[in-house]
Amino acid sequence: MKLTETAWAKKSPRVTATALAAVVGLALSVAAPAVLPADCHAQSRRDLEPSARYVSQTGQGFVLDVTGSRPLLRFDRSTEIWVLRPTPAPRGDIVYRNDNGDQVLRVTADGGMTLYTTTAPQGSPVSQTGEAAPLLAPALTAVQLWQYIIRQSERASRALGRLVVVDVNIQPGSEAVAADALSTAVDAIARMSRSQTLRREADRIRRIEIVDQGRGPQATFSRGVLRIVILPRAGVAGRPSSARIVGVVGEDVLSR
């Protein structure tokens, strides 16, 4: 299935019969990621509620879901789900990092939690405020999926003030992860467009390509094309995070 979106220039979608048939019956939900080793799996859940909402002293709220094989986190007022990797730290602590290697959370042996963000790089203590539903993407019909792709294309184009072409070339069964990858890529573009230091790099993005053929998940950037390779069987863990995408575009600037 190959879907190319140019809705910034033309508001009416151009859907071929083949493309529409390929997405009929889609239920957009997070598939189970690959399973971690049993000891790491158990350690990453030490003294944590299965799925709960937390708030840091800086006021940043988030949901942490450890019901699956990989810890998942979503900040308030954000749609991106972050897949975290737990690693052991001194004094029996557990450090959770995103796929860009950034430290996001630290949990002590007695259950104390610290959140690390760009606004609180030294860390901010966290308190639990209650239970939360597990982190799953909403279900979409075939028509809703196409409309979703149009909205994401328009969102990227608005952020940069010009057309950003979206090209999704995937096999049936990859739709859920492809849609999540597209949303995450547009989140990265929107963040870069608001940054004084990254706006120039964001302006170089002319096209977003999402494919499911190759060694995923990964992102590359060359000659204006942001190419994302997804690994559908890994679910939400089968696409790169917005932080990784921002890093890839920045690395391209440094390599020129």
Protein backbone atom coordinates (compact mmCIF):
# COMPACT_ATOMS: atom_id res chain seq x y z
CA MET A 1 0.00 0.00 0.00
CA LYS A 2 1.44 3.33 -1.03
CA LEU A 3 -0.21 6.54 0.14
CA THR A 4 1.12 9.94 -0.88
CA GLU A 5 -0.50 12.95 0.77
CA THR A 6 -0.37 16.47 -0.69
CA ALA A 7 -3.39 17.86 1.09
CA TRP A 8 -1.64 21.14 1.87
CA ALA A 9 -2.06 22.05 -1.78
CA LYS A 10 -5.37 20.24 -2.36
CA LYS A 11 -7.86 19.83 0.46
CA SER A 12 -9.70 16.84 -1.06
CA PRO A 13 -7.95 13.46 -0.53
CA ARG A 14 -6.91 11.39 -3.52
CA VAL A 15 -7.59 7.77 -2.59
CA THR A 16 -7.14 4.89 -5.00
CA ALA A 17 -9.39 1.84 -4.70
CA THR A 18 -6.38 -0.34 -3.92
CA ALA A 19 -5.13 1.96 -1.16
CA LEU A 20 -8.57 2.21 0.43
CA ALA A 21 -9.16 -1.54 0.31
CA ALA A 22 -5.84 -2.16 2.00
CA VAL A 23 -6.88 -0.28 5.11
CA VAL A 24 -10.46 -1.55 5.43
CA GLY A 25 -11.13 -3.01 8.84
CA LEU A 26 -8.12 -1.36 10.50
CA ALA A 27 -8.17 -1.14 14.29
CA LEU A 28 -5.32 1.19 15.30
CA SER A 29 -3.97 -0.16 18.57
CA VAL A 30 -0.60 -0.84 20.13
CA ALA A 31 0.67 -4.34 19.46
CA ALA A 32 2.74 -6.16 22.06
CA PRO A 33 6.46 -5.26 21.74
CA ALA A 34 9.22 -7.83 21.84
CA VAL A 35 9.65 -9.38 25.29
CA LEU A 36 12.56 -8.44 27.49
CA PRO A 37 14.56 -11.02 29.47
CA ALA A 38 12.63 -12.12 32.55
CA ASP A 39 14.99 -10.59 35.12
CA CYS A 40 15.02 -7.17 33.43
CA HIS A 41 11.26 -7.39 32.95
CA ALA A 42 10.74 -7.94 36.67
CA GLN A 43 13.26 -5.33 37.80
CA SER A 44 11.72 -2.62 35.63
CA ARG A 45 8.43 -2.99 37.52
CA ARG A 46 9.77 -2.81 41.04
CA ASP A 47 7.25 -1.17 43.41
CA LEU A 48 5.38 0.41 40.49
CA GLU A 49 1.65 0.35 39.89
CA PRO A 50 0.72 -1.43 36.63
CA SER A 51 -0.49 1.85 35.10
CA ALA A 52 -0.65 5.11 37.03
CA ARG A 53 -0.49 8.88 36.69
CA TYR A 54 2.31 10.87 38.28
CA VAL A 55 3.18 14.55 38.72
CA SER A 56 6.65 16.01 39.27
CA GLN A 57 7.39 18.98 41.54
CA THR A 58 7.74 21.12 38.41
CA GLY A 59 4.11 20.34 37.56
CA GLN A 60 4.78 17.95 34.67
CA GLY A 61 2.21 15.15 34.67
CA PHE A 62 2.55 11.82 32.90
CA VAL A 63 1.22 8.27 32.77
CA LEU A 64 3.60 5.35 33.25
CA ASP A 65 2.34 1.97 32.04
CA VAL A 66 4.33 -1.16 32.95
CA THR A 67 1.66 -3.71 32.07
CA GLY A 68 3.41 -4.79 28.86
CA SER A 69 6.83 -6.11 27.99
CA ARG A 70 8.32 -2.60 27.78
CA PRO A 71 7.56 0.37 30.08
CA LEU A 72 5.55 3.05 28.28
CA LEU A 73 5.23 6.74 29.18
CA ARG A 74 3.04 9.56 27.87
CA PHE A 75 3.23 13.16 29.08
CA ASP A 76 0.12 15.22 29.69
CA ARG A 77 -1.06 17.19 26.64
CA SER A 78 0.98 14.94 24.33
CA THR A 79 -0.03 12.08 22.04
CA GLU A 80 3.42 10.47 21.80
CA ILE A 81 3.99 7.25 23.71
CA TRP A 82 7.60 6.83 24.77
CA VAL A 83 9.07 3.32 24.94
CA LEU A 84 11.56 3.14 27.80
CA ARG A 85 14.54 0.88 28.34
CA PRO A 86 15.30 0.02 32.00
CA THR A 87 18.94 -0.36 33.00
CA PRO A 88 20.50 -1.00 36.43
CA ALA A 89 22.20 1.91 38.22
CA PRO A 90 24.27 2.31 41.42
CA ARG A 91 22.64 1.66 44.81
CA GLY A 92 20.10 -0.66 43.24
CA ASP A 93 18.34 2.10 41.27
CA ILE A 94 16.70 1.59 37.88
CA VAL A 95 17.23 4.19 35.13
CA TYR A 96 14.72 4.40 32.28
CA ARG A 97 16.00 5.79 28.95
CA ASN A 98 14.33 6.49 25.62
CA ASP A 99 15.65 5.17 22.29
CA ASN A 100 17.86 8.25 21.94
CA GLY A 101 19.70 7.30 25.14
CA ASP A 102 18.21 10.18 27.15
CA GLN A 103 17.50 9.54 30.83
CA VAL A 104 13.78 9.98 31.47
CA LEU A 105 13.12 8.40 34.87
CA ARG A 106 15.08 7.07 37.82
CA VAL A 107 13.48 4.78 40.40
CA THR A 108 15.29 4.03 43.66
CA ALA A 109 15.31 0.71 45.47
CA ASP A 110 12.64 1.98 47.90
CA GLY A 111 10.34 3.21 45.10
CA GLY A 112 11.29 6.90 44.95
CA MET A 113 10.96 8.35 41.44
CA THR A 114 12.67 11.28 39.68
CA LEU A 115 11.69 12.72 36.27
CA TYR A 116 14.26 14.25 33.90
CA THR A 117 13.14 16.69 31.19
CA THR A 118 14.62 19.55 29.18
CA THR A 119 13.11 21.98 31.70
CA ALA A 120 14.38 19.96 34.67
CA PRO A 121 17.63 18.32 33.45
CA GLN A 122 18.85 17.77 37.03
CA GLY A 123 15.67 15.88 37.85
CA SER A 124 12.42 16.61 39.67
CA PRO A 125 10.89 14.36 42.38
CA VAL A 126 7.67 12.62 41.38
CA SER A 127 4.51 11.72 43.29
CA GLN A 128 1.78 9.32 42.21
CA THR A 129 -1.66 10.89 41.90
CA GLY A 130 -3.79 7.89 41.01
CA GLU A 131 -4.44 4.99 38.67
CA ALA A 132 -4.55 5.37 34.89
CA ALA A 133 -5.73 3.33 31.93
CA PRO A 134 -3.02 1.43 30.00
CA LEU A 135 -1.52 3.38 27.11
CA LEU A 136 -3.18 2.35 23.85
CA ALA A 137 -3.67 4.30 20.64
CA PRO A 138 -7.33 4.92 19.70
CA ALA A 139 -9.08 2.66 17.18
CA LEU A 140 -9.67 4.08 13.69
CA THR A 141 -11.84 3.03 10.78
CA ALA A 142 -10.37 3.00 7.25
CA VAL A 143 -11.87 6.42 6.45
CA GLN A 144 -10.65 7.83 9.78
CA LEU A 145 -7.14 6.55 9.04
CA TRP A 146 -7.01 8.37 5.71
CA GLN A 147 -8.32 11.54 7.33
CA TYR A 148 -5.68 11.10 10.04
CA ILE A 149 -2.90 10.96 7.43
CA ILE A 150 -4.26 14.13 5.83
CA ARG A 151 -4.32 15.92 9.19
CA GLN A 152 -0.74 14.93 9.95
CA SER A 153 0.44 16.15 6.55
CA GLU A 154 -1.35 19.44 7.08
CA ARG A 155 0.07 19.74 10.61
CA ALA A 156 3.64 19.33 9.35
CA SER A 157 2.99 21.78 6.51
CA ARG A 158 1.54 24.37 8.87
CA ALA A 159 4.53 24.05 11.19
CA LEU A 160 6.96 24.82 8.36
CA GLY A 161 4.73 27.15 6.34
CA ARG A 162 4.93 25.10 3.14
CA LEU A 163 4.02 21.71 1.74
CA VAL A 164 5.53 18.63 3.39
CA VAL A 165 4.84 15.54 1.29
CA VAL A 166 4.00 12.31 3.14
CA ASP A 167 4.69 8.99 1.42
CA VAL A 168 3.55 5.82 3.26
CA ASN A 169 4.60 2.60 1.53
CA ILE A 170 3.66 -0.39 3.67
CA GLN A 171 2.22 -3.89 3.58
CA PRO A 172 -1.23 -4.76 4.96
CA GLY A 173 -0.96 -5.27 8.71
CA SER A 174 1.55 -2.45 9.20
CA GLU A 175 -1.02 0.35 9.31
CA ALA A 176 -1.16 0.86 13.08
CA VAL A 177 2.58 1.32 13.55
CA ALA A 178 2.85 3.39 10.37
CA ALA A 179 0.20 5.82 11.63
CA ASP A 180 1.94 6.07 15.00
CA ALA A 181 5.30 6.63 13.29
CA LEU A 182 3.83 9.42 11.15
CA SER A 183 2.34 11.18 14.15
CA THR A 184 5.65 10.90 16.00
CA ALA A 185 7.59 12.30 13.04
CA VAL A 186 5.25 15.29 12.81
CA ASP A 187 5.63 15.84 16.57
CA ALA A 188 9.38 16.06 16.00
CA ILE A 189 8.96 18.55 13.15
CA ALA A 190 6.61 20.70 15.22
CA ARG A 191 9.08 20.76 18.12
CA MET A 192 11.97 21.71 15.84
CA SER A 193 9.95 24.44 14.15
CA ARG A 194 9.40 26.13 17.53
CA SER A 195 13.10 25.99 18.46
CA GLN A 196 15.40 28.89 17.63
CA THR A 197 18.35 26.50 17.34
CA LEU A 198 16.60 23.79 15.30
CA ARG A 199 14.23 25.77 13.06
CA ARG A 200 16.78 26.01 10.25
CA GLU A 201 17.27 22.23 10.27
CA ALA A 202 13.51 21.63 10.31
CA ASP A 203 13.12 23.87 7.25
CA ARG A 204 15.21 21.37 5.27
CA ILE A 205 12.61 18.60 5.66
CA ARG A 206 10.65 18.33 2.42
CA ARG A 207 9.31 14.81 2.54
CA ILE A 208 8.41 12.13 5.10
CA GLU A 209 8.68 8.53 3.93
CA ILE A 210 7.45 5.63 6.06
CA VAL A 211 8.21 2.06 4.98
CA ASP A 212 8.10 -1.36 6.60
CA GLN A 213 10.80 -2.98 4.49
CA GLY A 214 14.28 -2.83 6.02
CA ARG A 215 16.04 -3.03 9.34
CA GLY A 216 13.71 -1.12 11.61
CA PRO A 217 13.03 0.74 13.65
CA GLN A 218 15.25 3.52 12.42
CA ALA A 219 15.23 7.01 10.96
CA THR A 220 17.53 8.59 8.40
CA PHE A 221 17.63 12.06 6.87
CA SER A 222 19.21 12.93 3.53
CA ARG A 223 18.55 15.59 0.87
CA GLY A 224 15.37 16.77 2.51
CA VAL A 225 13.86 13.30 2.95
CA LEU A 226 13.09 12.02 6.44
CA ARG A 227 12.85 8.25 6.00
CA ILE A 228 11.43 6.09 8.79
CA VAL A 229 11.64 2.31 8.73
CA ILE A 230 9.18 0.62 11.06
CA LEU A 231 9.08 -2.86 12.59
CA PRO A 232 5.34 -3.60 12.80
CA ARG A 233 5.57 -6.74 14.95
CA ALA A 234 7.16 -4.70 17.75
CA GLY A 235 4.11 -2.45 18.12
CA VAL A 236 4.79 0.99 19.56
CA ALA A 237 8.42 -0.03 20.05
CA GLY A 238 8.64 -0.56 16.30
CA ARG A 239 9.20 3.08 15.40
CA PRO A 240 11.74 5.71 16.49
CA SER A 241 10.77 8.38 19.02
CA SER A 242 10.56 12.08 18.25
CA ALA A 243 13.79 12.59 20.21
CA ARG A 244 15.57 10.11 17.95
CA ILE A 245 14.19 11.81 14.84
CA VAL A 246 15.33 15.24 16.06
CA GLY A 247 18.77 13.76 16.76
CA VAL A 248 18.99 12.23 13.28
CA VAL A 249 18.19 15.54 11.56
CA GLY A 250 20.72 17.33 13.79
CA GLU A 251 23.38 14.72 13.09
CA ASP A 252 22.91 15.27 9.35
CA VAL A 253 23.67 18.97 9.85
CA LEU A 254 26.86 18.15 11.75
CA SER A 255 28.01 15.68 9.06
CA ARG A 256 27.76 18.15 6.18
